Amino acid sequence: EVIFLGDKRLLNQEFVDSGFRREGQGLLNQEAIKKMLFNGIGAFAFHACPLTVVKISISWAISERIERLLPECRVSVSNMILNLRHLDLKQDGNILACFPVIYTDPNDETEDETYEVLDTHLETARSLYQVLQLIAFHELKESSIVIELA
């Protein structure tokens, strides 16, 4: 696996800002991924390695919001992250979005092998969206309690 920490440009911010609903787009910024993982002539940087997953830190997108939640709500969010296949919660609190690396073996000797980093069926985007929905639910619940007390 390869882990990219703190590199926001690898994710498609417009897709996130649109509520994960932008047609024809996904969570990954394919252009930025290609610049990071492929050299100028298209050769895969990890060609000789059995790379199966690329992990990108998304802590910048949700850590502050999680920290503002009540402790019991933080536990709920952490448990959800631990149970989602395409997100990874590290011991240091870093949250990583996981994207499979798809290797295509050539059918014959005239084709080159290919590597792609994909959010297959938007599974990683869906996982992140579920976590953001749970955080929003807890934020709204806390806000309504404060309003009732006022």
Protein backbone atom coordinates (compact mmCIF):
# COMPACT_ATOMS: atom_id res chain seq x y z
CA GLU A 1 0.00 0.00 0.00
CA VAL A 2 0.97 3.60 -0.52
CA ILE A 3 -0.26 6.26 1.92
CA PHE A 4 -0.51 9.94 0.98
CA LEU A 5 -0.88 12.20 4.01
CA GLY A 6 -2.25 15.72 3.81
CA ASP A 7 -2.50 15.95 0.03
CA LYS A 8 -5.93 17.45 -0.61
CA ARG A 9 -5.34 17.77 -4.33
CA LEU A 10 -5.64 13.99 -4.79
CA LEU A 11 -9.34 14.22 -4.02
CA ASN A 12 -11.93 15.92 -6.18
CA GLN A 13 -13.11 18.74 -3.90
CA GLU A 14 -15.89 19.76 -6.33
CA PHE A 15 -17.36 16.26 -6.03
CA VAL A 16 -17.33 16.47 -2.22
CA ASP A 17 -18.73 20.03 -2.22
CA SER A 18 -21.59 18.97 -4.49
CA GLY A 19 -22.72 16.40 -1.94
CA PHE A 20 -21.18 13.49 -3.88
CA ARG A 21 -23.70 13.97 -6.68
CA ARG A 22 -21.70 15.26 -9.62
CA GLU A 23 -22.41 13.17 -12.72
CA GLY A 24 -19.39 11.69 -14.38
CA GLN A 25 -17.05 12.57 -11.53
CA GLY A 26 -15.69 10.65 -8.61
CA LEU A 27 -13.86 11.20 -5.36
CA LEU A 28 -10.41 10.76 -6.90
CA ASN A 29 -8.69 13.51 -8.85
CA GLN A 30 -7.42 11.20 -11.58
CA GLU A 31 -5.11 13.80 -13.08
CA ALA A 32 -3.31 14.39 -9.76
CA ILE A 33 -3.12 10.63 -9.08
CA LYS A 34 -1.54 10.02 -12.46
CA LYS A 35 1.05 12.74 -11.84
CA MET A 36 1.97 11.12 -8.52
CA LEU A 37 2.03 7.47 -9.59
CA PHE A 38 3.13 7.57 -13.21
CA ASN A 39 6.22 9.11 -14.75
CA GLY A 40 6.10 11.45 -17.75
CA ILE A 41 5.86 8.59 -20.28
CA GLY A 42 3.11 6.72 -18.43
CA ALA A 43 5.21 4.10 -16.64
CA PHE A 44 3.83 3.09 -13.24
CA ALA A 45 6.18 4.16 -10.42
CA PHE A 46 5.51 0.95 -8.44
CA HIS A 47 5.76 -1.41 -11.40
CA ALA A 48 7.93 -4.00 -9.61
CA CYS A 49 5.90 -3.85 -6.38
CA PRO A 50 2.68 -5.73 -5.65
CA LEU A 51 0.78 -2.52 -4.91
CA THR A 52 -2.90 -3.25 -4.28
CA VAL A 53 -4.19 -0.13 -2.54
CA VAL A 54 -3.58 3.61 -2.38
CA LYS A 55 -4.63 5.31 0.84
CA ILE A 56 -5.21 9.05 1.01
CA SER A 57 -5.63 10.96 4.25
CA ILE A 58 -9.05 12.57 4.59
CA SER A 59 -8.50 13.74 8.16
CA TRP A 60 -8.38 17.33 6.94
CA ALA A 61 -12.00 16.94 5.80
CA ILE A 62 -13.54 15.49 8.94
CA SER A 63 -11.21 15.51 11.99
CA GLU A 64 -12.19 19.00 13.17
CA ARG A 65 -15.86 18.11 12.94
CA ILE A 66 -15.32 14.87 14.86
CA GLU A 67 -13.35 16.69 17.59
CA ARG A 68 -16.26 19.07 18.18
CA LEU A 69 -18.64 16.18 18.90
CA LEU A 70 -19.44 14.87 22.36
CA PRO A 71 -17.24 11.91 23.40
CA GLU A 72 -20.01 9.33 22.95
CA CYS A 73 -20.73 10.66 19.47
CA ARG A 74 -17.02 10.45 18.59
CA VAL A 75 -17.07 6.79 19.59
CA SER A 76 -20.07 6.20 17.33
CA VAL A 77 -18.30 7.82 14.36
CA SER A 78 -15.04 5.95 15.06
CA ASN A 79 -16.90 2.64 15.21
CA MET A 80 -18.57 3.37 11.90
CA ILE A 81 -15.22 4.16 10.28
CA LEU A 82 -13.76 0.90 11.62
CA ASN A 83 -16.66 -1.03 10.08
CA LEU A 84 -16.44 0.49 6.60
CA ARG A 85 -14.28 -1.41 4.11
CA HIS A 86 -12.99 1.60 2.21
CA LEU A 87 -11.96 3.75 5.16
CA ASP A 88 -9.13 3.11 7.58
CA LEU A 89 -8.79 4.65 11.05
CA LYS A 90 -5.19 4.62 12.23
CA GLN A 91 -4.12 4.51 15.89
CA ASP A 92 -2.90 8.12 15.64
CA GLY A 93 -6.43 9.19 14.62
CA ASN A 94 -5.58 9.69 10.96
CA ILE A 95 -8.45 8.67 8.67
CA LEU A 96 -7.56 7.24 5.27
CA ALA A 97 -9.71 6.70 2.18
CA CYS A 98 -8.70 3.43 0.48
CA PHE A 99 -8.69 3.01 -3.28
CA PRO A 100 -7.83 -0.28 -5.01
CA VAL A 101 -5.11 -0.41 -7.62
CA ILE A 102 -6.44 -2.34 -10.60
CA TYR A 103 -3.85 -4.20 -12.64
CA THR A 104 -4.77 -5.31 -16.14
CA ASP A 105 -2.59 -8.01 -17.62
CA PRO A 106 -2.19 -7.71 -21.37
CA ASN A 107 -4.12 -10.23 -23.48
CA ASP A 108 -1.24 -10.63 -25.86
CA GLU A 109 2.32 -9.42 -26.26
CA THR A 110 1.29 -6.34 -28.25
CA GLU A 111 -0.56 -4.71 -25.36
CA ASP A 112 1.07 -3.14 -22.33
CA GLU A 113 -0.03 -3.92 -18.81
CA THR A 114 -2.02 -1.14 -17.17
CA TYR A 115 -2.51 0.11 -13.65
CA GLU A 116 -5.39 2.26 -12.47
CA VAL A 117 -6.34 3.66 -9.09
CA LEU A 118 -10.14 3.56 -8.99
CA ASP A 119 -13.02 4.21 -6.67
CA THR A 120 -14.81 1.11 -7.93
CA HIS A 121 -18.58 1.75 -8.04
CA LEU A 122 -17.92 4.86 -5.88
CA GLU A 123 -17.58 2.60 -2.82
CA THR A 124 -15.00 4.83 -1.12
CA ALA A 125 -17.08 7.93 -1.84
CA ARG A 126 -20.13 6.20 -0.37
CA SER A 127 -18.19 5.27 2.77
CA LEU A 128 -17.00 8.86 3.26
CA TYR A 129 -20.51 10.15 2.60
CA GLN A 130 -21.94 7.80 5.27
CA VAL A 131 -19.45 9.09 7.83
CA LEU A 132 -20.21 12.71 6.94
CA GLN A 133 -23.94 12.00 7.28
CA LEU A 134 -23.43 10.50 10.75
CA ILE A 135 -21.31 13.49 11.81
CA ALA A 136 -23.98 15.87 10.49
CA PHE A 137 -26.66 13.92 12.38
CA HIS A 138 -24.73 14.26 15.66
CA GLU A 139 -24.03 17.95 15.00
CA LEU A 140 -27.72 18.60 14.33
CA LYS A 141 -28.77 16.62 17.40
CA GLU A 142 -26.37 18.62 19.59
CA SER A 143 -27.56 21.91 18.06
CA SER A 144 -31.21 21.08 18.70
CA ILE A 145 -30.42 20.23 22.33
CA VAL A 146 -28.70 23.60 22.78
CA ILE A 147 -31.67 25.38 21.16
CA GLU A 148 -34.11 23.57 23.48
CA LEU A 149 -32.08 24.56 26.52
CA ALA A 150 -32.00 28.19 25.41
